[in-house]
Amino acid sequence: MVELLVKSKIKEHVKSIEPEMRVSPEFYDALEEELKVLVEKAVKRAKDEGKKTLYARHV
């Protein structure tokens, strides 16, 4: 399975919003799954349009 997220960057972003906030491993897993679903839907939209390139509008 391919990891799509850079956990250190997510943690860094969370800390920039709320310095005291921590991130559990389960959060990364759930976010990874959401991202996969988002990408899968974008691919389907692009294919439905006959495109071989993903664009912002497919999100």
N, C-alpha and C. Protein backbone atom coordinates (compact mmCIF):
# COMPACT_ATOMS: atom_id res chain seq x y z
N MET A 1 0.84 -1.18 0.00
CA MET A 1 0.00 0.00 0.00
C MET A 1 0.89 1.25 0.00
N VAL A 2 0.52 2.20 -0.79
CA VAL A 2 1.27 3.46 -0.91
C VAL A 2 0.77 4.45 0.13
N GLU A 3 1.69 5.07 0.84
CA GLU A 3 1.31 6.13 1.77
C GLU A 3 1.25 7.43 1.00
N LEU A 4 0.14 8.13 1.10
CA LEU A 4 -0.05 9.37 0.36
C LEU A 4 0.27 10.60 1.18
N LEU A 5 0.40 10.42 2.48
CA LEU A 5 0.58 11.56 3.37
C LEU A 5 2.00 11.64 3.92
N VAL A 6 2.44 12.85 4.13
CA VAL A 6 3.70 13.08 4.84
C VAL A 6 3.30 13.51 6.25
N LYS A 7 3.41 12.57 7.18
CA LYS A 7 2.91 12.80 8.53
C LYS A 7 3.56 14.00 9.21
N SER A 8 4.85 14.19 8.97
CA SER A 8 5.53 15.32 9.61
C SER A 8 4.97 16.65 9.13
N LYS A 9 4.56 16.72 7.87
CA LYS A 9 4.00 17.97 7.34
C LYS A 9 2.60 18.22 7.90
N ILE A 10 1.84 17.15 8.10
CA ILE A 10 0.51 17.31 8.68
C ILE A 10 0.65 17.78 10.13
N LYS A 11 1.55 17.14 10.86
CA LYS A 11 1.79 17.54 12.25
C LYS A 11 2.23 19.00 12.32
N GLU A 12 3.13 19.39 11.42
CA GLU A 12 3.61 20.77 11.36
C GLU A 12 2.46 21.74 11.11
N HIS A 13 1.56 21.38 10.20
CA HIS A 13 0.42 22.23 9.89
C HIS A 13 -0.52 22.35 11.09
N VAL A 14 -0.79 21.22 11.74
CA VAL A 14 -1.64 21.23 12.92
C VAL A 14 -1.04 22.14 13.99
N LYS A 15 0.26 22.03 14.21
CA LYS A 15 0.94 22.86 15.21
C LYS A 15 0.88 24.35 14.84
N SER A 16 0.86 24.65 13.55
CA SER A 16 0.77 26.05 13.14
C SER A 16 -0.62 26.64 13.45
N ILE A 17 -1.60 25.77 13.51
CA ILE A 17 -2.96 26.20 13.83
C ILE A 17 -3.15 26.25 15.34
N GLU A 18 -2.70 25.20 16.01
CA GLU A 18 -2.87 25.09 17.46
C GLU A 18 -1.63 24.40 18.03
N PRO A 19 -0.70 25.17 18.56
CA PRO A 19 0.58 24.62 19.03
C PRO A 19 0.48 23.50 20.06
N GLU A 20 -0.56 23.47 20.85
CA GLU A 20 -0.70 22.44 21.88
C GLU A 20 -1.36 21.15 21.37
N MET A 21 -1.86 21.18 20.14
CA MET A 21 -2.59 20.04 19.60
C MET A 21 -1.63 18.92 19.20
N ARG A 22 -2.03 17.68 19.51
CA ARG A 22 -1.27 16.51 19.09
C ARG A 22 -2.09 15.74 18.07
N VAL A 23 -1.43 14.84 17.35
CA VAL A 23 -2.11 14.06 16.30
C VAL A 23 -1.94 12.57 16.61
N SER A 24 -3.05 11.86 16.71
CA SER A 24 -2.99 10.43 16.99
C SER A 24 -2.74 9.65 15.70
N PRO A 25 -2.19 8.45 15.81
CA PRO A 25 -1.98 7.61 14.62
C PRO A 25 -3.28 7.32 13.88
N GLU A 26 -4.38 7.21 14.62
CA GLU A 26 -5.67 6.92 13.99
C GLU A 26 -6.11 8.07 13.08
N PHE A 27 -5.72 9.30 13.44
CA PHE A 27 -6.07 10.46 12.61
C PHE A 27 -5.42 10.33 11.24
N TYR A 28 -4.14 9.96 11.23
CA TYR A 28 -3.43 9.80 9.96
C TYR A 28 -4.09 8.71 9.10
N ASP A 29 -4.47 7.61 9.74
CA ASP A 29 -5.12 6.52 9.01
C ASP A 29 -6.44 6.98 8.39
N ALA A 30 -7.24 7.69 9.18
CA ALA A 30 -8.53 8.17 8.68
C ALA A 30 -8.34 9.19 7.57
N LEU A 31 -7.38 10.08 7.73
CA LEU A 31 -7.10 11.09 6.70
C LEU A 31 -6.61 10.43 5.41
N GLU A 32 -5.78 9.42 5.54
CA GLU A 32 -5.28 8.67 4.39
C GLU A 32 -6.44 8.05 3.61
N GLU A 33 -7.39 7.46 4.32
CA GLU A 33 -8.54 6.85 3.67
C GLU A 33 -9.40 7.89 2.96
N GLU A 34 -9.62 9.03 3.60
CA GLU A 34 -10.39 10.11 2.98
C GLU A 34 -9.70 10.60 1.70
N LEU A 35 -8.40 10.73 1.75
CA LEU A 35 -7.64 11.19 0.60
C LEU A 35 -7.75 10.20 -0.56
N LYS A 36 -7.67 8.92 -0.24
CA LYS A 36 -7.79 7.89 -1.28
C LYS A 36 -9.15 7.96 -1.96
N VAL A 37 -10.20 8.13 -1.17
CA VAL A 37 -11.56 8.24 -1.73
C VAL A 37 -11.65 9.48 -2.61
N LEU A 38 -11.10 10.59 -2.16
CA LEU A 38 -11.11 11.83 -2.94
C LEU A 38 -10.40 11.64 -4.28
N VAL A 39 -9.26 11.00 -4.27
CA VAL A 39 -8.50 10.77 -5.51
C VAL A 39 -9.26 9.82 -6.43
N GLU A 40 -9.83 8.77 -5.87
CA GLU A 40 -10.61 7.83 -6.69
C GLU A 40 -11.78 8.53 -7.38
N LYS A 41 -12.48 9.39 -6.65
CA LYS A 41 -13.60 10.13 -7.24
C LYS A 41 -13.11 11.09 -8.33
N ALA A 42 -11.98 11.73 -8.11
CA ALA A 42 -11.42 12.64 -9.11
C ALA A 42 -11.04 11.88 -10.37
N VAL A 43 -10.45 10.70 -10.21
CA VAL A 43 -10.09 9.89 -11.38
C VAL A 43 -11.34 9.51 -12.17
N LYS A 44 -12.39 9.13 -11.47
CA LYS A 44 -13.64 8.77 -12.15
C LYS A 44 -14.20 9.96 -12.92
N ARG A 45 -14.19 11.13 -12.29
CA ARG A 45 -14.71 12.33 -12.98
C ARG A 45 -13.89 12.63 -14.23
N ALA A 46 -12.59 12.52 -14.11
CA ALA A 46 -11.72 12.79 -15.27
C ALA A 46 -12.00 11.78 -16.38
N LYS A 47 -12.11 10.51 -16.02
CA LYS A 47 -12.39 9.47 -17.03
C LYS A 47 -13.74 9.71 -17.69
N ASP A 48 -14.73 10.13 -16.89
CA ASP A 48 -16.07 10.41 -17.43
C ASP A 48 -16.03 11.54 -18.45
N GLU A 49 -15.07 12.45 -18.29
CA GLU A 49 -14.89 13.56 -19.24
C GLU A 49 -13.97 13.17 -20.39
N GLY A 50 -13.45 11.96 -20.36
CA GLY A 50 -12.53 11.53 -21.41
C GLY A 50 -11.13 12.10 -21.25
N LYS A 51 -10.79 12.52 -20.05
CA LYS A 51 -9.48 13.13 -19.78
C LYS A 51 -8.51 12.10 -19.21
N LYS A 52 -7.24 12.32 -19.46
CA LYS A 52 -6.19 11.48 -18.89
C LYS A 52 -5.34 12.27 -17.91
N THR A 53 -5.77 13.48 -17.61
CA THR A 53 -5.08 14.36 -16.67
C THR A 53 -6.08 14.84 -15.64
N LEU A 54 -5.68 14.79 -14.36
CA LEU A 54 -6.54 15.31 -13.29
C LEU A 54 -6.34 16.83 -13.18
N TYR A 55 -7.45 17.52 -13.08
CA TYR A 55 -7.45 18.97 -12.89
C TYR A 55 -8.18 19.31 -11.60
N ALA A 56 -8.02 20.53 -11.14
CA ALA A 56 -8.66 20.97 -9.90
C ALA A 56 -10.17 20.74 -9.95
N ARG A 57 -10.77 20.91 -11.09
CA ARG A 57 -12.23 20.76 -11.20
C ARG A 57 -12.69 19.33 -10.92
N HIS A 58 -11.79 18.37 -11.00
CA HIS A 58 -12.16 16.98 -10.73
C HIS A 58 -12.26 16.70 -9.23
N VAL A 59 -11.72 17.61 -8.43
CA VAL A 59 -11.85 17.47 -6.98
C VAL A 59 -13.21 18.01 -6.60
